[in-house]
Amino acid sequence: MAKCDVCGTSVDLPYNCRRCGGSYCSEHRLPENHNCTGLNEWNDPDGVFDSGFDDSVDNRGGRSSDLRDRLSPNTGPGGVLGYFRGNVSYLFLAIILVVFVLEHVVAILFGGEAFRTLFVLTSANPEYVWTWVTSVFSHQPFTFVHIFGNGIVLFFFGPVVERQIGSKRFALLFVLTGMLAGLGQIGLGFLLGEPVSGVLGASGAILAIMGILTVLNPGMKVYLYFVLPVPIWLLTFGYAGISVFGVLAADQNVLGNVAHGAHLIGLLLGLAYGQRVKEKVRSPSDIQFGRGGGGMGGPGRGRF
């Protein structure tokens, strides 16, 4: 027979709290009724534990007066941000589509200068720091080739990487590699003597995703057009070869106005990160990938 840690009542079948490890009677078994030290770990912004009817309850639930608790995002299983856990790839895809629509609205209503100011990272105005991020989610307007190629790779490959490294790390990886790829392309333009260069597109982040998967499982089969099995290493380094050739032939512009340097930078970052997490995660042996390659290349100034 055990005693309740709160009231001392002898109990034949005590309730053992898995959070704090204490033993309690039926009256004090709920976490809020015995001032459970584990309440802070529950992230209960909706006040599930604190009913509000008992003023003696320690007010550490969703009605906490603590400003930090009130302002912290609700990432619990039932929280708003909880819906994005495991779905950041699809969230980013949705953002890309929304931005694509906004690009056309701005370009049509306010002109090309406004479009470049908001969405294009340029060597003329690298101090426009918002374009470091907006350019990652922007794509060449008035054509669907660019956004389709990047979108379909993100749709198929993004969730695979996200499941391996977690949603928070994936989100950070996508934005940072996209930003660094764009800034690297601008720097490469200075080295090549380009008077003004501009970039937009998610291909730097997309190549980082492919680089990670290439390290984790180079033999992973990618079913191009849902039919032709190709190892991902061949697909990844095929893009890399095209980008290397594009950088070397930049003066001749034989491959169109594509930011090949951003492709290579994104790929190298992805390969490096994949090597870092290689021993900690596992990757599937195959994945279907339809109509993939065309969207990363093609005409269009500063696309990547």
C-alpha atoms as a PDB file:
ATOM      1  CA  MET A   1       0.000   0.000   0.000  1.00  0.00           C
ATOM      2  CA  ALA A   2       1.353   3.405  -0.999  1.00  0.00           C
ATOM      3  CA  LYS A   3       0.680   6.921   0.217  1.00  0.00           C
ATOM      4  CA  CYS A   4      -0.326   9.900  -1.888  1.00  0.00           C
ATOM      5  CA  ASP A   5       2.598  12.300  -2.122  1.00  0.00           C
ATOM      6  CA  VAL A   6       0.216  15.257  -1.728  1.00  0.00           C
ATOM      7  CA  CYS A   7      -2.318  14.376   0.980  1.00  0.00           C
ATOM      8  CA  GLY A   8      -0.712  11.280   2.508  1.00  0.00           C
ATOM      9  CA  THR A   9      -3.810   9.105   1.955  1.00  0.00           C
ATOM     10  CA  SER A  10      -3.069   5.377   1.839  1.00  0.00           C
ATOM     11  CA  VAL A  11      -3.934   3.973  -1.587  1.00  0.00           C
ATOM     12  CA  ASP A  12      -4.131   0.311  -2.638  1.00  0.00           C
ATOM     13  CA  LEU A  13      -3.684   1.120  -6.339  1.00  0.00           C
ATOM     14  CA  PRO A  14      -1.846   4.444  -6.576  1.00  0.00           C
ATOM     15  CA  TYR A  15      -1.552   6.454  -9.773  1.00  0.00           C
ATOM     16  CA  ASN A  16       2.076   6.838 -10.835  1.00  0.00           C
ATOM     17  CA  CYS A  17       2.846  10.006 -12.776  1.00  0.00           C
ATOM     18  CA  ARG A  18       5.102   9.304 -15.735  1.00  0.00           C
ATOM     19  CA  ARG A  19       6.319  12.900 -15.761  1.00  0.00           C
ATOM     20  CA  CYS A  20       7.496  13.402 -12.183  1.00  0.00           C
ATOM     21  CA  GLY A  21       7.482   9.787 -10.950  1.00  0.00           C
ATOM     22  CA  GLY A  22       5.312  10.452  -7.912  1.00  0.00           C
ATOM     23  CA  SER A  23       2.461   8.323  -6.462  1.00  0.00           C
ATOM     24  CA  TYR A  24      -0.973   9.900  -6.020  1.00  0.00           C
ATOM     25  CA  CYS A  25      -4.545   9.172  -5.048  1.00  0.00           C
ATOM     26  CA  SER A  26      -7.424   9.598  -7.474  1.00  0.00           C
ATOM     27  CA  GLU A  27      -7.956  13.186  -6.329  1.00  0.00           C
ATOM     28  CA  HIS A  28      -4.391  14.250  -7.057  1.00  0.00           C
ATOM     29  CA  ARG A  29      -3.529  12.033 -10.017  1.00  0.00           C
ATOM     30  CA  LEU A  30      -3.852  14.774 -12.654  1.00  0.00           C
ATOM     31  CA  PRO A  31      -0.638  16.740 -13.281  1.00  0.00           C
ATOM     32  CA  GLU A  32      -2.182  20.091 -12.340  1.00  0.00           C
ATOM     33  CA  ASN A  33      -3.539  18.692  -9.075  1.00  0.00           C
ATOM     34  CA  HIS A  34      -0.134  17.745  -7.731  1.00  0.00           C
ATOM     35  CA  ASN A  35       1.841  20.644  -9.214  1.00  0.00           C
ATOM     36  CA  CYS A  36       3.683  18.248 -11.493  1.00  0.00           C
ATOM     37  CA  THR A  37       7.186  19.427 -12.350  1.00  0.00           C
ATOM     38  CA  GLY A  38       6.675  17.996 -15.826  1.00  0.00           C
ATOM     39  CA  LEU A  39       3.896  20.413 -16.734  1.00  0.00           C
ATOM     40  CA  ASN A  40       6.388  22.701 -18.438  1.00  0.00           C
ATOM     41  CA  GLU A  41       7.236  19.905 -20.868  1.00  0.00           C
ATOM     42  CA  TRP A  42       3.642  19.452 -22.009  1.00  0.00           C
ATOM     43  CA  ASN A  43       3.470  22.729 -23.953  1.00  0.00           C
ATOM     44  CA  ASP A  44      -0.219  23.158 -23.180  1.00  0.00           C
ATOM     45  CA  PRO A  45      -1.145  26.568 -24.591  1.00  0.00           C
ATOM     46  CA  ASP A  46      -4.791  25.627 -24.931  1.00  0.00           C
ATOM     47  CA  GLY A  47      -5.167  25.087 -21.180  1.00  0.00           C
ATOM     48  CA  VAL A  48      -6.026  21.390 -21.277  1.00  0.00           C
ATOM     49  CA  PHE A  49      -4.684  20.880 -17.760  1.00  0.00           C
ATOM     50  CA  ASP A  50      -5.815  24.207 -16.344  1.00  0.00           C
ATOM     51  CA  SER A  51      -9.601  24.163 -16.471  1.00  0.00           C
ATOM     52  CA  GLY A  52      -9.898  27.603 -14.893  1.00  0.00           C
ATOM     53  CA  PHE A  53     -12.483  26.431 -12.339  1.00  0.00           C
ATOM     54  CA  ASP A  54     -10.003  25.812  -9.545  1.00  0.00           C
ATOM     55  CA  ASP A  55      -8.062  28.906  -8.550  1.00  0.00           C
ATOM     56  CA  SER A  56      -5.795  26.772  -6.410  1.00  0.00           C
ATOM     57  CA  VAL A  57      -4.357  25.093  -9.492  1.00  0.00           C
ATOM     58  CA  ASP A  58      -0.829  26.205 -10.226  1.00  0.00           C
ATOM     59  CA  ASN A  59      -1.303  28.452 -13.231  1.00  0.00           C
ATOM     60  CA  ARG A  60       1.330  26.970 -15.492  1.00  0.00           C
ATOM     61  CA  GLY A  61      -0.924  25.931 -18.371  1.00  0.00           C
ATOM     62  CA  GLY A  62      -2.130  27.858 -21.376  1.00  0.00           C
ATOM     63  CA  ARG A  63      -3.394  30.747 -19.180  1.00  0.00           C
ATOM     64  CA  SER A  64      -0.001  31.478 -17.762  1.00  0.00           C
ATOM     65  CA  SER A  65       0.683  35.095 -17.059  1.00  0.00           C
ATOM     66  CA  ASP A  66       4.258  34.605 -18.068  1.00  0.00           C
ATOM     67  CA  LEU A  67       4.847  36.694 -21.192  1.00  0.00           C
ATOM     68  CA  ARG A  68       7.281  34.213 -22.643  1.00  0.00           C
ATOM     69  CA  ASP A  69       4.729  31.401 -22.456  1.00  0.00           C
ATOM     70  CA  ARG A  70       2.097  33.593 -24.056  1.00  0.00           C
ATOM     71  CA  LEU A  71       4.328  34.564 -26.959  1.00  0.00           C
ATOM     72  CA  SER A  72       5.899  31.166 -27.613  1.00  0.00           C
ATOM     73  CA  PRO A  73       4.544  29.407 -30.738  1.00  0.00           C
ATOM     74  CA  ASN A  74       2.178  26.508 -30.238  1.00  0.00           C
ATOM     75  CA  THR A  75       4.107  23.591 -31.662  1.00  0.00           C
ATOM     76  CA  GLY A  76       2.386  20.857 -29.672  1.00  0.00           C
ATOM     77  CA  PRO A  77       0.517  18.023 -31.389  1.00  0.00           C
ATOM     78  CA  GLY A  78      -2.643  20.134 -31.492  1.00  0.00           C
ATOM     79  CA  GLY A  79      -0.939  23.464 -32.104  1.00  0.00           C
ATOM     80  CA  VAL A  80      -1.090  25.532 -35.260  1.00  0.00           C
ATOM     81  CA  LEU A  81       2.587  25.065 -36.093  1.00  0.00           C
ATOM     82  CA  GLY A  82       2.221  21.377 -35.319  1.00  0.00           C
ATOM     83  CA  TYR A  83       0.505  20.950 -38.680  1.00  0.00           C
ATOM     84  CA  PHE A  84       3.734  21.907 -40.457  1.00  0.00           C
ATOM     85  CA  ARG A  85       5.853  19.342 -38.646  1.00  0.00           C
ATOM     86  CA  GLY A  86       6.855  16.835 -41.307  1.00  0.00           C
ATOM     87  CA  ASN A  87       5.298  18.967 -44.055  1.00  0.00           C
ATOM     88  CA  VAL A  88       7.791  21.802 -44.513  1.00  0.00           C
ATOM     89  CA  SER A  89       8.596  20.605 -48.040  1.00  0.00           C
ATOM     90  CA  TYR A  90       4.962  21.011 -49.042  1.00  0.00           C
ATOM     91  CA  LEU A  91       4.724  24.309 -47.150  1.00  0.00           C
ATOM     92  CA  PHE A  92       7.678  25.691 -49.101  1.00  0.00           C
ATOM     93  CA  LEU A  93       6.155  24.415 -52.327  1.00  0.00           C
ATOM     94  CA  ALA A  94       2.946  26.277 -51.505  1.00  0.00           C
ATOM     95  CA  ILE A  95       4.939  29.436 -50.713  1.00  0.00           C
ATOM     96  CA  ILE A  96       6.728  29.141 -54.060  1.00  0.00           C
ATOM     97  CA  LEU A  97       3.398  28.941 -55.880  1.00  0.00           C
ATOM     98  CA  VAL A  98       1.963  31.918 -53.994  1.00  0.00           C
ATOM     99  CA  VAL A  99       5.087  33.976 -54.658  1.00  0.00           C
ATOM    100  CA  PHE A 100       4.901  32.999 -58.335  1.00  0.00           C
ATOM    101  CA  VAL A 101       1.434  34.528 -58.517  1.00  0.00           C
ATOM    102  CA  LEU A 102       2.575  37.649 -56.647  1.00  0.00           C
ATOM    103  CA  GLU A 103       5.469  38.061 -59.078  1.00  0.00           C
ATOM    104  CA  HIS A 104       3.054  38.370 -61.983  1.00  0.00           C
ATOM    105  CA  VAL A 105       0.815  40.772 -60.102  1.00  0.00           C
ATOM    106  CA  VAL A 106       3.757  43.035 -59.267  1.00  0.00           C
ATOM    107  CA  ALA A 107       5.277  42.819 -62.743  1.00  0.00           C
ATOM    108  CA  ILE A 108       1.983  43.627 -64.469  1.00  0.00           C
ATOM    109  CA  LEU A 109       0.785  46.360 -62.124  1.00  0.00           C
ATOM    110  CA  PHE A 110       4.060  48.025 -61.126  1.00  0.00           C
ATOM    111  CA  GLY A 111       6.564  47.062 -63.800  1.00  0.00           C
ATOM    112  CA  GLY A 112       9.860  45.273 -64.062  1.00  0.00           C
ATOM    113  CA  GLU A 113      11.780  47.532 -61.705  1.00  0.00           C
ATOM    114  CA  ALA A 114       9.407  46.798 -58.831  1.00  0.00           C
ATOM    115  CA  PHE A 115       9.627  43.092 -59.660  1.00  0.00           C
ATOM    116  CA  ARG A 116      13.434  43.126 -59.505  1.00  0.00           C
ATOM    117  CA  THR A 117      13.450  45.142 -56.295  1.00  0.00           C
ATOM    118  CA  LEU A 118      11.210  42.656 -54.506  1.00  0.00           C
ATOM    119  CA  PHE A 119      12.163  39.280 -55.940  1.00  0.00           C
ATOM    120  CA  VAL A 120      15.582  39.321 -57.639  1.00  0.00           C
ATOM    121  CA  LEU A 121      18.944  39.238 -55.867  1.00  0.00           C
ATOM    122  CA  THR A 122      21.199  41.475 -57.950  1.00  0.00           C
ATOM    123  CA  SER A 123      24.839  42.508 -57.909  1.00  0.00           C
ATOM    124  CA  ALA A 124      23.659  46.105 -58.335  1.00  0.00           C
ATOM    125  CA  ASN A 125      21.765  46.053 -55.022  1.00  0.00           C
ATOM    126  CA  PRO A 126      23.065  43.257 -52.777  1.00  0.00           C
ATOM    127  CA  GLU A 127      22.119  45.429 -49.797  1.00  0.00           C
ATOM    128  CA  TYR A 128      18.460  44.613 -50.467  1.00  0.00           C
ATOM    129  CA  VAL A 129      18.680  41.857 -47.864  1.00  0.00           C
ATOM    130  CA  TRP A 130      15.057  40.784 -48.294  1.00  0.00           C
ATOM    131  CA  THR A 131      15.925  39.558 -51.791  1.00  0.00           C
ATOM    132  CA  TRP A 132      18.375  37.104 -50.228  1.00  0.00           C
ATOM    133  CA  VAL A 133      15.283  35.171 -49.112  1.00  0.00           C
ATOM    134  CA  THR A 134      12.580  36.185 -51.607  1.00  0.00           C
ATOM    135  CA  SER A 135      14.805  35.222 -54.540  1.00  0.00           C
ATOM    136  CA  VAL A 136      14.963  31.651 -53.214  1.00  0.00           C
ATOM    137  CA  PHE A 137      11.175  31.327 -53.480  1.00  0.00           C
ATOM    138  CA  SER A 138      10.853  33.273 -56.747  1.00  0.00           C
ATOM    139  CA  HIS A 139      11.035  31.927 -60.293  1.00  0.00           C
ATOM    140  CA  GLN A 140      11.182  33.243 -63.817  1.00  0.00           C
ATOM    141  CA  PRO A 141       7.776  34.831 -64.504  1.00  0.00           C
ATOM    142  CA  PHE A 142       5.619  34.203 -67.561  1.00  0.00           C
ATOM    143  CA  THR A 143       6.950  30.667 -67.978  1.00  0.00           C
ATOM    144  CA  PHE A 144       6.199  27.448 -66.114  1.00  0.00           C
ATOM    145  CA  VAL A 145       9.330  25.505 -67.054  1.00  0.00           C
ATOM    146  CA  HIS A 146      11.506  26.941 -64.295  1.00  0.00           C
ATOM    147  CA  ILE A 147       9.050  26.578 -61.436  1.00  0.00           C
ATOM    148  CA  PHE A 148       7.815  23.178 -62.625  1.00  0.00           C
ATOM    149  CA  GLY A 149      11.273  21.622 -62.596  1.00  0.00           C
ATOM    150  CA  ASN A 150      12.198  22.890 -59.152  1.00  0.00           C
ATOM    151  CA  GLY A 151       8.722  22.201 -57.786  1.00  0.00           C
ATOM    152  CA  ILE A 152       8.595  18.570 -58.823  1.00  0.00           C
ATOM    153  CA  VAL A 153      12.041  17.859 -57.331  1.00  0.00           C
ATOM    154  CA  LEU A 154      10.982  19.536 -54.092  1.00  0.00           C
ATOM    155  CA  PHE A 155       7.733  17.561 -54.073  1.00  0.00           C
ATOM    156  CA  PHE A 156       9.414  14.165 -54.487  1.00  0.00           C
ATOM    157  CA  PHE A 157      12.824  14.605 -52.864  1.00  0.00           C
ATOM    158  CA  GLY A 158      12.129  17.222 -50.199  1.00  0.00           C
ATOM    159  CA  PRO A 159       9.998  15.007 -47.916  1.00  0.00           C
ATOM    160  CA  VAL A 160      12.605  12.234 -48.094  1.00  0.00           C
ATOM    161  CA  VAL A 161      15.334  14.520 -46.754  1.00  0.00           C
ATOM    162  CA  GLU A 162      12.962  16.189 -44.302  1.00  0.00           C
ATOM    163  CA  ARG A 163      12.075  12.850 -42.720  1.00  0.00           C
ATOM    164  CA  GLN A 164      15.745  12.069 -42.234  1.00  0.00           C
ATOM    165  CA  ILE A 165      16.990  15.346 -40.725  1.00  0.00           C
ATOM    166  CA  GLY A 166      13.796  16.801 -39.227  1.00  0.00           C
ATOM    167  CA  SER A 167      11.563  19.659 -40.311  1.00  0.00           C
ATOM    168  CA  LYS A 168      13.422  22.458 -38.507  1.00  0.00           C
ATOM    169  CA  ARG A 169      16.788  21.470 -39.926  1.00  0.00           C
ATOM    170  CA  PHE A 170      15.285  20.982 -43.362  1.00  0.00           C
ATOM    171  CA  ALA A 171      13.720  24.452 -43.329  1.00  0.00           C
ATOM    172  CA  LEU A 172      16.997  26.031 -42.244  1.00  0.00           C
ATOM    173  CA  LEU A 173      18.962  24.001 -44.776  1.00  0.00           C
ATOM    174  CA  PHE A 174      16.662  24.953 -47.650  1.00  0.00           C
ATOM    175  CA  VAL A 175      16.711  28.686 -46.941  1.00  0.00           C
ATOM    176  CA  LEU A 176      20.429  28.908 -46.120  1.00  0.00           C
ATOM    177  CA  THR A 177      21.645  26.889 -49.103  1.00  0.00           C
ATOM    178  CA  GLY A 178      19.345  28.866 -51.391  1.00  0.00           C
ATOM    179  CA  MET A 179      20.654  32.158 -49.997  1.00  0.00           C
ATOM    180  CA  LEU A 180      24.307  31.128 -50.132  1.00  0.00           C
ATOM    181  CA  ALA A 181      23.912  29.805 -53.661  1.00  0.00           C
ATOM    182  CA  GLY A 182      22.408  33.099 -54.801  1.00  0.00           C
ATOM    183  CA  LEU A 183      25.050  35.211 -53.058  1.00  0.00           C
ATOM    184  CA  GLY A 184      27.757  32.935 -54.431  1.00  0.00           C
ATOM    185  CA  GLN A 185      26.429  33.424 -57.946  1.00  0.00           C
ATOM    186  CA  ILE A 186      26.567  37.198 -57.458  1.00  0.00           C
ATOM    187  CA  GLY A 187      30.172  36.898 -56.271  1.00  0.00           C
ATOM    188  CA  LEU A 188      31.018  34.716 -59.261  1.00  0.00           C
ATOM    189  CA  GLY A 189      29.554  37.382 -61.514  1.00  0.00           C
ATOM    190  CA  PHE A 190      31.972  39.930 -60.065  1.00  0.00           C
ATOM    191  CA  LEU A 191      34.898  37.579 -60.680  1.00  0.00           C
ATOM    192  CA  LEU A 192      33.831  36.987 -64.272  1.00  0.00           C
ATOM    193  CA  GLY A 193      33.509  40.707 -64.855  1.00  0.00           C
ATOM    194  CA  GLU A 194      29.759  40.771 -65.404  1.00  0.00           C
ATOM    195  CA  PRO A 195      28.628  44.391 -64.975  1.00  0.00           C
ATOM    196  CA  VAL A 196      25.235  43.476 -63.528  1.00  0.00           C
ATOM    197  CA  SER A 197      23.932  40.031 -62.648  1.00  0.00           C
ATOM    198  CA  GLY A 198      20.772  38.827 -60.978  1.00  0.00           C
ATOM    199  CA  VAL A 199      19.482  35.490 -59.702  1.00  0.00           C
ATOM    200  CA  LEU A 200      16.209  33.997 -58.612  1.00  0.00           C
ATOM    201  CA  GLY A 201      14.976  30.468 -58.100  1.00  0.00           C
ATOM    202  CA  ALA A 202      15.234  27.549 -55.694  1.00  0.00           C
ATOM    203  CA  SER A 203      17.656  25.400 -57.684  1.00  0.00           C
ATOM    204  CA  GLY A 204      20.549  26.038 -55.306  1.00  0.00           C
ATOM    205  CA  ALA A 205      18.484  24.564 -52.460  1.00  0.00           C
ATOM    206  CA  ILE A 206      17.164  21.824 -54.765  1.00  0.00           C
ATOM    207  CA  LEU A 207      20.690  20.737 -55.702  1.00  0.00           C
ATOM    208  CA  ALA A 208      21.576  20.736 -52.001  1.00  0.00           C
ATOM    209  CA  ILE A 209      18.710  18.289 -51.398  1.00  0.00           C
ATOM    210  CA  MET A 210      19.942  16.070 -54.210  1.00  0.00           C
ATOM    211  CA  GLY A 211      23.487  16.291 -52.887  1.00  0.00           C
ATOM    212  CA  ILE A 212      22.368  15.077 -49.472  1.00  0.00           C
ATOM    213  CA  LEU A 213      20.536  12.092 -50.946  1.00  0.00           C
ATOM    214  CA  THR A 214      23.500  11.304 -53.176  1.00  0.00           C
ATOM    215  CA  VAL A 215      25.751  10.986 -50.130  1.00  0.00           C
ATOM    216  CA  LEU A 216      23.227   9.068 -48.038  1.00  0.00           C
ATOM    217  CA  ASN A 217      22.433   6.551 -50.755  1.00  0.00           C
ATOM    218  CA  PRO A 218      24.219   7.080 -54.082  1.00  0.00           C
ATOM    219  CA  GLY A 219      22.606   3.979 -55.578  1.00  0.00           C
ATOM    220  CA  MET A 220      19.051   5.097 -54.838  1.00  0.00           C
ATOM    221  CA  LYS A 221      16.951   4.587 -57.945  1.00  0.00           C
ATOM    222  CA  VAL A 222      15.109   7.571 -59.339  1.00  0.00           C
ATOM    223  CA  TYR A 223      12.362   6.594 -61.768  1.00  0.00           C
ATOM    224  CA  LEU A 224      12.480   9.269 -64.438  1.00  0.00           C
ATOM    225  CA  TYR A 225       9.110   9.675 -66.096  1.00  0.00           C
ATOM    226  CA  PHE A 226       8.030   6.943 -63.642  1.00  0.00           C
ATOM    227  CA  VAL A 227       9.641   4.378 -65.969  1.00  0.00           C
ATOM    228  CA  LEU A 228      13.405   4.737 -66.415  1.00  0.00           C
ATOM    229  CA  PRO A 229      15.448   3.788 -63.294  1.00  0.00           C
ATOM    230  CA  VAL A 230      18.500   5.991 -62.858  1.00  0.00           C
ATOM    231  CA  PRO A 231      20.828   6.051 -59.819  1.00  0.00           C
ATOM    232  CA  ILE A 232      20.634   9.394 -58.115  1.00  0.00           C
ATOM    233  CA  TRP A 233      24.389   9.910 -58.262  1.00  0.00           C
ATOM    234  CA  LEU A 234      24.199   9.870 -62.061  1.00  0.00           C
ATOM    235  CA  LEU A 235      21.358  12.380 -62.098  1.00  0.00           C
ATOM    236  CA  THR A 236      23.056  14.659 -59.565  1.00  0.00           C
ATOM    237  CA  PHE A 237      26.468  14.698 -61.166  1.00  0.00           C
ATOM    238  CA  GLY A 238      24.872  14.991 -64.586  1.00  0.00           C
ATOM    239  CA  TYR A 239      23.488  18.341 -63.453  1.00  0.00           C
ATOM    240  CA  ALA A 240      26.861  19.150 -61.903  1.00  0.00           C
ATOM    241  CA  GLY A 241      28.647  18.453 -65.194  1.00  0.00           C
ATOM    242  CA  ILE A 242      26.283  20.712 -67.091  1.00  0.00           C
ATOM    243  CA  SER A 243      26.798  23.451 -64.507  1.00  0.00           C
ATOM    244  CA  VAL A 244      30.595  23.145 -64.621  1.00  0.00           C
ATOM    245  CA  PHE A 245      30.496  23.413 -68.396  1.00  0.00           C
ATOM    246  CA  GLY A 246      28.133  26.382 -68.099  1.00  0.00           C
ATOM    247  CA  VAL A 247      30.523  28.216 -65.752  1.00  0.00           C
ATOM    248  CA  LEU A 248      33.553  27.541 -67.970  1.00  0.00           C
ATOM    249  CA  ALA A 249      31.647  28.643 -71.063  1.00  0.00           C
ATOM    250  CA  ALA A 250      30.094  31.674 -69.402  1.00  0.00           C
ATOM    251  CA  ASP A 251      31.566  34.128 -71.912  1.00  0.00           C
ATOM    252  CA  GLN A 252      30.017  32.232 -74.813  1.00  0.00           C
ATOM    253  CA  ASN A 253      26.698  31.835 -72.950  1.00  0.00           C
ATOM    254  CA  VAL A 254      26.123  28.554 -74.796  1.00  0.00           C
ATOM    255  CA  LEU A 255      23.790  27.177 -72.134  1.00  0.00           C
ATOM    256  CA  GLY A 256      21.557  30.193 -71.786  1.00  0.00           C
ATOM    257  CA  ASN A 257      21.243  32.648 -68.919  1.00  0.00           C
ATOM    258  CA  VAL A 258      21.292  30.091 -66.128  1.00  0.00           C
ATOM    259  CA  ALA A 259      23.028  30.567 -62.763  1.00  0.00           C
ATOM    260  CA  HIS A 260      25.289  27.537 -63.035  1.00  0.00           C
ATOM    261  CA  GLY A 261      27.502  28.743 -60.211  1.00  0.00           C
ATOM    262  CA  ALA A 262      24.514  28.681 -57.853  1.00  0.00           C
ATOM    263  CA  HIS A 263      23.823  25.078 -58.886  1.00  0.00           C
ATOM    264  CA  LEU A 264      27.358  24.043 -58.004  1.00  0.00           C
ATOM    265  CA  ILE A 265      27.409  25.921 -54.706  1.00  0.00           C
ATOM    266  CA  GLY A 266      24.105  24.377 -53.632  1.00  0.00           C
ATOM    267  CA  LEU A 267      25.320  20.916 -54.611  1.00  0.00           C
ATOM    268  CA  LEU A 268      28.591  21.273 -52.708  1.00  0.00           C
ATOM    269  CA  LEU A 269      26.746  22.461 -49.601  1.00  0.00           C
ATOM    270  CA  GLY A 270      24.382  19.503 -49.855  1.00  0.00           C
ATOM    271  CA  LEU A 271      27.223  17.017 -50.310  1.00  0.00           C
ATOM    272  CA  ALA A 272      29.014  18.476 -47.289  1.00  0.00           C
ATOM    273  CA  TYR A 273      25.920  18.324 -45.088  1.00  0.00           C
ATOM    274  CA  GLY A 274      25.103  14.813 -46.283  1.00  0.00           C
ATOM    275  CA  GLN A 275      28.588  13.695 -45.295  1.00  0.00           C
ATOM    276  CA  ARG A 276      28.072  15.247 -41.869  1.00  0.00           C
ATOM    277  CA  VAL A 277      24.840  13.354 -41.143  1.00  0.00           C
ATOM    278  CA  LYS A 278      25.656  10.206 -43.083  1.00  0.00           C
ATOM    279  CA  GLU A 279      26.183   8.002 -40.038  1.00  0.00           C
ATOM    280  CA  LYS A 280      23.043   9.241 -38.292  1.00  0.00           C
ATOM    281  CA  VAL A 281      20.287   8.753 -40.867  1.00  0.00           C
ATOM    282  CA  ARG A 282      19.056   6.251 -43.412  1.00  0.00           C
ATOM    283  CA  SER A 283      17.710   6.829 -46.891  1.00  0.00           C
ATOM    284  CA  PRO A 284      15.199   4.818 -48.996  1.00  0.00           C
ATOM    285  CA  SER A 285      16.471   2.652 -51.823  1.00  0.00           C
ATOM    286  CA  ASP A 286      14.265   4.107 -54.545  1.00  0.00           C
ATOM    287  CA  ILE A 287      11.884   6.928 -55.308  1.00  0.00           C
ATOM    288  CA  GLN A 288       9.679   7.822 -58.238  1.00  0.00           C
ATOM    289  CA  PHE A 289      10.498  11.089 -59.908  1.00  0.00           C
ATOM    290  CA  GLY A 290       8.582  12.237 -62.962  1.00  0.00           C
ATOM    291  CA  ARG A 291       9.622  14.687 -65.622  1.00  0.00           C
ATOM    292  CA  GLY A 292      12.388  16.062 -63.537  1.00  0.00           C
ATOM    293  CA  GLY A 293      15.336  17.490 -65.354  1.00  0.00           C
ATOM    294  CA  GLY A 294      14.038  20.246 -67.567  1.00  0.00           C
ATOM    295  CA  GLY A 295      13.104  22.760 -64.904  1.00  0.00           C
ATOM    296  CA  MET A 296      16.589  23.501 -63.656  1.00  0.00           C
ATOM    297  CA  GLY A 297      17.945  24.714 -66.937  1.00  0.00           C
ATOM    298  CA  GLY A 298      16.637  26.486 -69.960  1.00  0.00           C
ATOM    299  CA  PRO A 299      16.554  30.132 -70.933  1.00  0.00           C
ATOM    300  CA  GLY A 300      15.938  32.978 -68.541  1.00  0.00           C
ATOM    301  CA  ARG A 301      18.355  35.450 -67.073  1.00  0.00           C
ATOM    302  CA  GLY A 302      19.597  34.646 -63.611  1.00  0.00           C
ATOM    303  CA  ARG A 303      17.490  31.543 -63.073  1.00  0.00           C
ATOM    304  CA  PHE A 304      18.757  28.799 -60.826  1.00  0.00           C
END
